[in-house]
């Protein structure tokens, strides 16, 4: 199977559902744009356990005296951060001053904190030191690949019908078929909600604290 064959099949099924097999109404570029929107919606709203193909871990060497590090170019949202092998505590960037003022929240290299700001990963550990190649790890969900006739999606075929439903909804909007668009979008939201429920679990690194809330995708929610 050549690169792009899966994407072409997704496109063809979407066209069939739209009744536009020959491309007389919607261009390939328009439908691919809507399919890519759908993949991004799923990545933003589904729990991590539903997105194993988008889960990545980046490890890099710490630099003594340097608290901030570039996020990966494909970064979407964080799952977990480790500092020198210790799971660091997430802290809101807007409240970082509290770490300096509150005696109960004293950052150190054995009590590390992290936050995201200006596309960087920041550590609050007092002072970053380096010895013997110390590293940090960023566990994260990456942005879905932009699919095209030459590029296939990472996500499993079990979600292809869901993204096609989203694309059908979006195609209905410029046709002013708003009732159908609303119905198809409700189907998409419901399928995402049910998919999210199937993958929520109390197990570590599956149903972690930073998972999106599936209620946000619940129809009528």
Protein backbone atom coordinates (compact mmCIF):
# COMPACT_ATOMS: atom_id res chain seq x y z
CA UNK A 1 0.00 0.00 0.00
CA UNK A 2 1.43 3.36 -1.05
CA UNK A 3 1.54 6.45 1.17
CA UNK A 4 -1.74 8.30 0.90
CA UNK A 5 -3.85 5.28 -0.05
CA UNK A 6 -5.60 5.26 3.34
CA UNK A 7 -6.33 8.97 3.09
CA UNK A 8 -7.67 8.51 -0.44
CA UNK A 9 -10.00 5.77 0.86
CA UNK A 10 -11.25 8.06 3.65
CA UNK A 11 -11.87 10.77 1.06
CA UNK A 12 -13.74 8.38 -1.23
CA UNK A 13 -16.07 7.18 1.53
CA UNK A 14 -16.74 10.78 2.57
CA UNK A 15 -17.63 11.63 -1.03
CA UNK A 16 -19.96 8.64 -1.19
CA UNK A 17 -21.73 9.81 1.96
CA UNK A 18 -22.08 13.27 0.42
CA UNK A 19 -23.38 11.89 -2.89
CA UNK A 20 -20.51 13.62 -4.69
CA UNK A 21 -18.37 10.72 -5.93
CA UNK A 22 -17.09 12.66 -8.95
CA UNK A 23 -16.14 15.82 -7.08
CA UNK A 24 -18.69 18.04 -8.81
CA UNK A 25 -19.55 19.95 -5.62
CA UNK A 26 -16.67 19.71 -3.15
CA UNK A 27 -12.99 19.73 -4.05
CA UNK A 28 -10.50 17.28 -2.55
CA UNK A 29 -8.80 20.19 -0.78
CA UNK A 30 -12.05 21.24 0.93
CA UNK A 31 -12.88 17.75 2.17
CA UNK A 32 -9.32 17.08 3.33
CA UNK A 33 -9.41 20.36 5.26
CA UNK A 34 -12.56 19.24 7.08
CA UNK A 35 -11.15 15.76 7.74
CA UNK A 36 -8.04 17.34 9.26
CA UNK A 37 -10.21 19.57 11.43
CA UNK A 38 -11.92 16.43 12.70
CA UNK A 39 -8.65 14.68 13.56
CA UNK A 40 -7.58 17.76 15.51
CA UNK A 41 -10.93 17.92 17.34
CA UNK A 42 -10.47 14.32 18.40
CA UNK A 43 -6.90 14.89 19.54
CA UNK A 44 -7.99 17.87 21.63
CA UNK A 45 -11.00 16.24 23.24
CA UNK A 46 -10.42 12.49 23.57
CA UNK A 47 -8.60 11.03 26.60
CA UNK A 48 -5.03 9.91 26.16
CA UNK A 49 -5.97 6.23 26.27
CA UNK A 50 -7.91 6.68 23.02
CA UNK A 51 -4.92 8.18 21.23
CA UNK A 52 -2.00 5.74 21.54
CA UNK A 53 -0.77 6.60 18.04
CA UNK A 54 -0.41 10.27 19.04
CA UNK A 55 1.42 9.60 22.31
CA UNK A 56 5.10 10.53 22.37
CA UNK A 57 7.90 10.91 24.90
CA UNK A 58 10.75 13.35 24.34
CA UNK A 59 13.88 13.17 26.45
CA UNK A 60 16.58 15.82 26.36
CA UNK A 61 19.64 16.79 28.33
CA UNK A 62 19.27 19.46 30.99
CA UNK A 63 21.51 22.52 30.81
CA UNK A 64 22.85 23.83 34.07
CA UNK A 65 21.29 27.19 34.95
CA UNK A 66 18.66 26.93 32.18
CA UNK A 67 15.05 26.62 33.32
CA UNK A 68 13.19 26.74 29.98
CA UNK A 69 13.28 24.36 27.01
CA UNK A 70 11.64 24.44 23.57
CA UNK A 71 8.52 22.39 23.13
CA UNK A 72 8.55 19.85 20.28
CA UNK A 73 7.32 21.23 16.97
CA UNK A 74 4.46 18.69 16.95
CA UNK A 75 3.41 19.34 20.58
CA UNK A 76 -0.32 19.55 21.24
CA UNK A 77 -0.78 18.98 24.99
CA UNK A 78 1.21 17.60 27.89
CA UNK A 79 0.62 14.33 29.69
CA UNK A 80 3.45 14.08 32.20
CA UNK A 81 6.84 15.63 32.91
CA UNK A 82 9.82 14.06 34.66
CA UNK A 83 12.83 15.96 35.98
CA UNK A 84 15.90 13.80 36.55
CA UNK A 85 13.60 10.79 36.79
CA UNK A 86 11.22 12.43 39.29
CA UNK A 87 7.61 13.09 38.26
CA UNK A 88 7.28 16.88 38.39
CA UNK A 89 4.15 18.66 39.58
CA UNK A 90 2.21 20.71 37.06
CA UNK A 91 1.64 24.32 38.05
CA UNK A 92 -0.43 27.06 36.31
CA UNK A 93 1.85 29.58 34.62
CA UNK A 94 -0.31 32.47 35.85
CA UNK A 95 0.27 31.39 39.45
CA UNK A 96 4.01 30.74 39.29
CA UNK A 97 4.74 33.53 41.76
CA UNK A 98 2.97 31.49 44.44
CA UNK A 99 5.79 28.95 44.25
CA UNK A 100 8.19 31.63 45.42
CA UNK A 101 5.95 33.14 48.07
CA UNK A 102 4.26 30.17 49.70
CA UNK A 103 6.50 28.36 52.16
CA UNK A 104 4.49 25.18 51.66
CA UNK A 105 5.33 25.12 47.95
CA UNK A 106 9.09 25.24 47.77
CA UNK A 107 10.50 23.99 44.45
CA UNK A 108 13.72 22.03 44.50
CA UNK A 109 15.43 19.39 42.41
CA UNK A 110 13.80 16.74 44.58
CA UNK A 111 10.44 18.58 44.53
CA UNK A 112 10.25 19.81 40.91
CA UNK A 113 7.42 21.82 39.34
CA UNK A 114 6.75 22.61 35.68
CA UNK A 115 4.57 24.92 33.61
CA UNK A 116 4.16 25.96 29.96
CA UNK A 117 4.61 29.52 28.75
CA UNK A 118 5.44 31.09 25.38
CA UNK A 119 5.89 27.69 23.70
CA UNK A 120 8.47 26.65 26.28
CA UNK A 121 8.57 24.07 29.05
CA UNK A 122 9.70 25.72 32.29
CA UNK A 123 11.06 24.03 35.39
CA UNK A 124 10.81 25.50 38.87
CA UNK A 125 13.45 23.62 40.87
CA UNK A 126 15.39 26.41 42.57
CA UNK A 127 18.29 26.10 40.14
CA UNK A 128 18.80 23.56 37.36
CA UNK A 129 22.06 21.67 37.75
CA UNK A 130 23.77 19.23 35.43
CA UNK A 131 25.95 16.26 36.23
CA UNK A 132 26.47 12.96 34.43
CA UNK A 133 24.08 13.77 31.55
CA UNK A 134 20.94 14.48 33.61
CA UNK A 135 17.78 14.63 31.50
CA UNK A 136 14.13 15.57 31.56
CA UNK A 137 11.22 13.77 29.90
CA UNK A 138 8.12 15.30 28.35
CA UNK A 139 5.24 12.89 27.79
CA UNK A 140 2.77 14.49 25.41
CA UNK A 141 0.07 14.18 22.76
CA UNK A 142 1.31 15.31 19.38
CA UNK A 143 -0.64 17.16 16.72
CA UNK A 144 -2.24 14.81 14.21
CA UNK A 145 -0.52 14.67 10.84
CA UNK A 146 -2.21 16.72 8.13
CA UNK A 147 -3.53 14.06 5.77
CA UNK A 148 -3.54 14.38 1.99
CA UNK A 149 -3.37 12.22 -1.11
CA UNK A 150 0.28 11.59 -0.15
CA UNK A 151 0.04 11.37 3.65
CA UNK A 152 -1.93 8.89 5.76
CA UNK A 153 -3.30 9.46 9.29
CA UNK A 154 -1.73 7.98 12.41
CA UNK A 155 -5.02 7.21 14.11
CA UNK A 156 -6.63 3.79 13.78
CA UNK A 157 -9.29 3.02 11.18
CA UNK A 158 -11.83 2.60 13.99
CA UNK A 159 -12.21 6.40 14.07
CA UNK A 160 -12.40 6.99 10.32
CA UNK A 161 -16.20 6.95 10.23
CA UNK A 162 -16.23 9.58 13.01
CA UNK A 163 -14.01 12.02 11.12
CA UNK A 164 -16.04 11.42 7.98
CA UNK A 165 -19.20 12.36 9.88
CA UNK A 166 -17.53 15.63 10.91
CA UNK A 167 -16.51 16.35 7.32
CA UNK A 168 -20.06 15.72 6.10
CA UNK A 169 -21.34 18.18 8.71
CA UNK A 170 -18.88 20.86 7.59
CA UNK A 171 -19.71 20.33 3.93
CA UNK A 172 -23.38 20.94 4.66
CA UNK A 173 -22.74 24.41 6.08
CA UNK A 174 -21.83 26.28 2.85
CA UNK A 175 -24.78 24.52 1.20
CA UNK A 176 -26.97 26.17 3.85
CA UNK A 177 -28.29 22.76 4.87
CA UNK A 178 -27.96 23.76 8.50
CA UNK A 179 -30.34 21.13 9.89
CA UNK A 180 -28.27 18.32 8.39
CA UNK A 181 -25.06 20.00 9.48
CA UNK A 182 -26.36 20.24 13.04
CA UNK A 183 -27.49 16.59 13.00
CA UNK A 184 -24.14 15.31 11.67
CA UNK A 185 -22.20 17.42 14.16
CA UNK A 186 -24.35 15.99 16.97
CA UNK A 187 -23.50 12.48 15.72
CA UNK A 188 -19.80 13.38 15.72
CA UNK A 189 -19.97 14.73 19.27
CA UNK A 190 -21.85 11.65 20.48
CA UNK A 191 -19.38 9.24 18.86
CA UNK A 192 -16.44 11.12 20.39
CA UNK A 193 -18.15 11.11 23.78
CA UNK A 194 -18.75 7.36 23.65
CA UNK A 195 -15.20 6.74 22.40
CA UNK A 196 -13.89 8.78 25.31
CA UNK A 197 -15.93 6.82 27.83
CA UNK A 198 -14.57 3.53 26.48
CA UNK A 199 -11.01 4.64 27.11
CA UNK A 200 -11.30 6.35 30.49
CA UNK A 201 -9.65 4.32 33.23
CA UNK A 202 -8.18 4.96 36.68
CA UNK A 203 -4.95 3.24 35.64
CA UNK A 204 -1.79 5.33 35.66
CA UNK A 205 -0.98 7.13 32.41
CA UNK A 206 -4.33 6.29 30.89
CA UNK A 207 -6.88 8.24 32.92
CA UNK A 208 -4.39 10.84 34.20
CA UNK A 209 -5.28 14.18 35.71
CA UNK A 210 -4.79 16.14 32.48
CA UNK A 211 -7.19 14.10 30.35
CA UNK A 212 -9.87 16.22 28.64
CA UNK A 213 -13.29 15.95 30.25
CA UNK A 214 -15.48 13.75 28.02
CA UNK A 215 -18.52 15.68 29.21
CA UNK A 216 -17.32 18.54 27.00
CA UNK A 217 -18.17 16.42 23.96
CA UNK A 218 -21.52 15.19 25.25
CA UNK A 219 -24.33 16.16 22.87
CA UNK A 220 -26.37 18.98 24.34
CA UNK A 221 -23.68 19.58 26.98
